Amino acid sequence: MAEETPRVRRVFEGSSSCTLDTQRRVLFPKSWRLETDTAVTKFYAVASAPNVIKIYDQEHFNAYYDYLTSLDENDPEVLQALTLAGNLTMTFTPDRQGRFILSKELIEHGQLGANIVLVGCITFGRIVSKEEWESCKGNPMILQKLNKPLRSPSQPT
């Protein structure tokens, strides 16, 4: 019986400083790309909270989309949030050099200046101002929020 090749998952890791140029170009980190990415691999930049811009790959955007479709769009606040989210979402494919153009609306939403940082959050990326990134790094105790006891494969569930 042939061995099954494990599925490669994209991991948004590390951080990459970048200068947002006058054409609003951002350099997508090489460590966030997979060998299987093509010239048509899509990513999504999404505003999710004040000053927060997330970057999703297709797999994680699909899960986010599924969650959004489960919401009650007849609720006026949900409808307002969906309307704003739709306006502050963009699809992009990095060019050969890994660059993409960030929309003016997302730049304003993120309160981004010329110096930005793309930060890996494991399952998604974030685009933040250099100042925001410096303040995030100043609180390493927050990592405890992610602690989960791990079971060894031999432990019963």
Protein backbone atom coordinates (compact mmCIF):
# COMPACT_ATOMS: atom_id res chain seq x y z
CA MET A 1 0.00 0.00 0.00
CA ALA A 2 1.43 3.39 -0.99
CA GLU A 3 2.09 5.93 1.74
CA GLU A 4 -0.17 8.93 1.70
CA THR A 5 1.67 12.22 1.39
CA PRO A 6 0.69 14.53 4.25
CA ARG A 7 -1.13 17.68 3.21
CA VAL A 8 1.09 20.72 3.38
CA ARG A 9 -0.49 23.50 5.41
CA ARG A 10 0.42 27.12 4.98
CA VAL A 11 1.89 28.55 8.17
CA PHE A 12 1.96 32.31 8.55
CA GLU A 13 5.12 32.65 10.62
CA GLY A 14 7.69 35.26 11.52
CA SER A 15 7.55 38.95 10.74
CA SER A 16 8.69 41.04 7.83
CA SER A 17 9.18 44.81 7.86
CA CYS A 18 8.21 46.61 4.71
CA THR A 19 7.87 50.13 3.41
CA LEU A 20 4.51 50.96 1.90
CA ASP A 21 5.52 52.85 -1.24
CA THR A 22 3.58 55.56 -3.06
CA GLN A 23 1.93 52.89 -5.23
CA ARG A 24 0.69 51.15 -2.03
CA ARG A 25 2.73 48.02 -2.78
CA VAL A 26 3.39 45.52 0.00
CA LEU A 27 5.91 42.68 -0.12
CA PHE A 28 4.29 39.33 0.73
CA PRO A 29 6.80 37.35 2.86
CA LYS A 30 8.48 34.47 1.08
CA SER A 31 8.05 32.26 4.15
CA TRP A 32 4.27 32.54 3.71
CA ARG A 33 4.37 31.11 0.19
CA LEU A 34 4.16 27.43 -0.69
CA GLU A 35 5.94 25.64 -3.52
CA THR A 36 2.50 24.73 -4.84
CA ASP A 37 1.42 28.39 -5.16
CA THR A 38 0.84 29.49 -8.72
CA ALA A 39 0.30 32.76 -10.56
CA VAL A 40 -3.40 32.48 -9.69
CA THR A 41 -3.13 31.62 -5.97
CA LYS A 42 -5.47 34.00 -4.19
CA PHE A 43 -5.18 35.64 -0.80
CA TYR A 44 -7.63 37.88 0.99
CA ALA A 45 -6.91 41.01 3.02
CA VAL A 46 -9.77 41.51 5.47
CA ALA A 47 -10.51 44.19 8.07
CA SER A 48 -11.75 42.47 11.20
CA ALA A 49 -11.49 44.94 14.09
CA PRO A 50 -10.31 48.53 14.54
CA ASN A 51 -6.81 48.82 13.05
CA VAL A 52 -6.70 45.05 12.29
CA ILE A 53 -6.01 43.74 8.79
CA LYS A 54 -5.82 39.97 8.44
CA ILE A 55 -4.49 38.03 5.48
CA TYR A 56 -6.13 34.68 4.77
CA ASP A 57 -5.26 31.99 2.26
CA GLN A 58 -8.13 30.38 0.35
CA GLU A 59 -8.63 27.56 2.88
CA HIS A 60 -8.97 29.88 5.86
CA PHE A 61 -11.00 32.45 3.96
CA ASN A 62 -13.46 29.68 3.05
CA ALA A 63 -13.88 28.89 6.76
CA TYR A 64 -14.38 32.60 7.53
CA TYR A 65 -16.90 32.84 4.68
CA ASP A 66 -18.80 29.83 6.02
CA TYR A 67 -18.95 31.47 9.43
CA LEU A 68 -20.26 34.73 7.93
CA THR A 69 -22.99 32.88 6.02
CA SER A 70 -24.18 31.40 9.33
CA LEU A 71 -24.94 34.86 10.74
CA ASP A 72 -28.42 36.36 10.70
CA GLU A 73 -28.17 38.95 7.94
CA ASN A 74 -31.62 40.25 8.92
CA ASP A 75 -30.14 41.56 12.17
CA PRO A 76 -29.40 45.26 11.42
CA GLU A 77 -26.05 45.22 13.25
CA VAL A 78 -24.93 42.06 11.48
CA LEU A 79 -25.98 43.56 8.14
CA GLN A 80 -24.03 46.73 8.93
CA ALA A 81 -20.96 44.68 9.91
CA LEU A 82 -21.21 42.55 6.74
CA THR A 83 -21.54 45.69 4.62
CA LEU A 84 -18.45 47.25 6.19
CA ALA A 85 -16.51 43.98 6.02
CA GLY A 86 -17.38 43.57 2.34
CA ASN A 87 -16.14 47.08 1.62
CA LEU A 88 -12.92 46.42 3.56
CA THR A 89 -12.03 43.08 1.96
CA MET A 90 -9.82 42.62 -1.08
CA THR A 91 -8.56 39.67 -3.07
CA PHE A 92 -4.97 39.69 -4.28
CA THR A 93 -2.38 37.53 -5.97
CA PRO A 94 1.25 38.49 -5.33
CA ASP A 95 3.28 39.22 -8.46
CA ARG A 96 6.53 37.36 -9.28
CA GLN A 97 8.45 39.51 -6.80
CA GLY A 98 5.82 38.82 -4.13
CA ARG A 99 4.28 42.30 -4.20
CA PHE A 100 0.64 43.22 -4.04
CA ILE A 101 -1.23 46.52 -3.87
CA LEU A 102 -3.12 47.27 -0.66
CA SER A 103 -6.35 49.22 -1.07
CA LYS A 104 -6.59 52.80 0.20
CA GLU A 105 -9.55 51.76 2.36
CA LEU A 106 -7.53 49.08 4.16
CA ILE A 107 -4.58 51.44 4.62
CA GLU A 108 -6.93 53.95 6.25
CA HIS A 109 -8.63 51.24 8.33
CA GLY A 110 -5.28 49.95 9.60
CA GLN A 111 -4.03 53.50 10.20
CA LEU A 112 -0.89 52.51 8.34
CA GLY A 113 1.97 54.86 7.61
CA ALA A 114 4.96 54.17 5.41
CA ASN A 115 6.55 51.63 7.78
CA ILE A 116 4.52 48.46 8.19
CA VAL A 117 5.10 44.93 9.40
CA LEU A 118 3.56 41.72 8.11
CA VAL A 119 3.27 39.44 11.13
CA GLY A 120 2.53 35.73 11.05
CA CYS A 121 -0.27 34.54 13.35
CA ILE A 122 0.09 30.83 12.44
CA THR A 123 -3.25 30.44 10.58
CA PHE A 124 -3.36 33.95 9.11
CA GLY A 125 -1.15 36.97 8.64
CA ARG A 126 -1.60 40.51 9.91
CA ILE A 127 -0.57 43.85 8.50
CA VAL A 128 0.23 46.31 11.26
CA SER A 129 2.01 49.61 11.69
CA LYS A 130 5.57 49.39 12.98
CA GLU A 131 4.40 51.08 16.19
CA GLU A 132 1.60 48.54 16.71
CA TRP A 133 4.06 45.68 16.24
CA GLU A 134 6.47 47.17 18.77
CA SER A 135 3.68 47.40 21.36
CA CYS A 136 2.59 43.78 20.67
CA LYS A 137 6.11 42.46 21.20
CA GLY A 138 6.21 44.14 24.61
CA ASN A 139 3.74 41.66 26.16
CA PRO A 140 5.17 38.10 25.88
CA MET A 141 2.96 36.88 28.77
CA ILE A 142 -0.02 37.06 26.43
CA LEU A 143 1.28 33.85 24.82
CA GLN A 144 -0.23 31.98 27.77
CA LYS A 145 -3.63 32.55 26.12
CA LEU A 146 -2.59 29.93 23.55
CA ASN A 147 -1.51 27.22 26.00
CA LYS A 148 -3.32 23.95 25.57
CA PRO A 149 -2.28 20.69 27.14
CA LEU A 150 -1.14 18.37 24.39
CA ARG A 151 -1.82 14.65 24.43
CA SER A 152 0.67 12.17 23.17
CA PRO A 153 -0.62 9.87 20.40
CA SER A 154 -0.69 6.98 22.87
CA GLN A 155 -2.94 8.75 25.39
CA PRO A 156 -6.66 7.93 25.25
CA THR A 157 -8.94 10.77 24.25
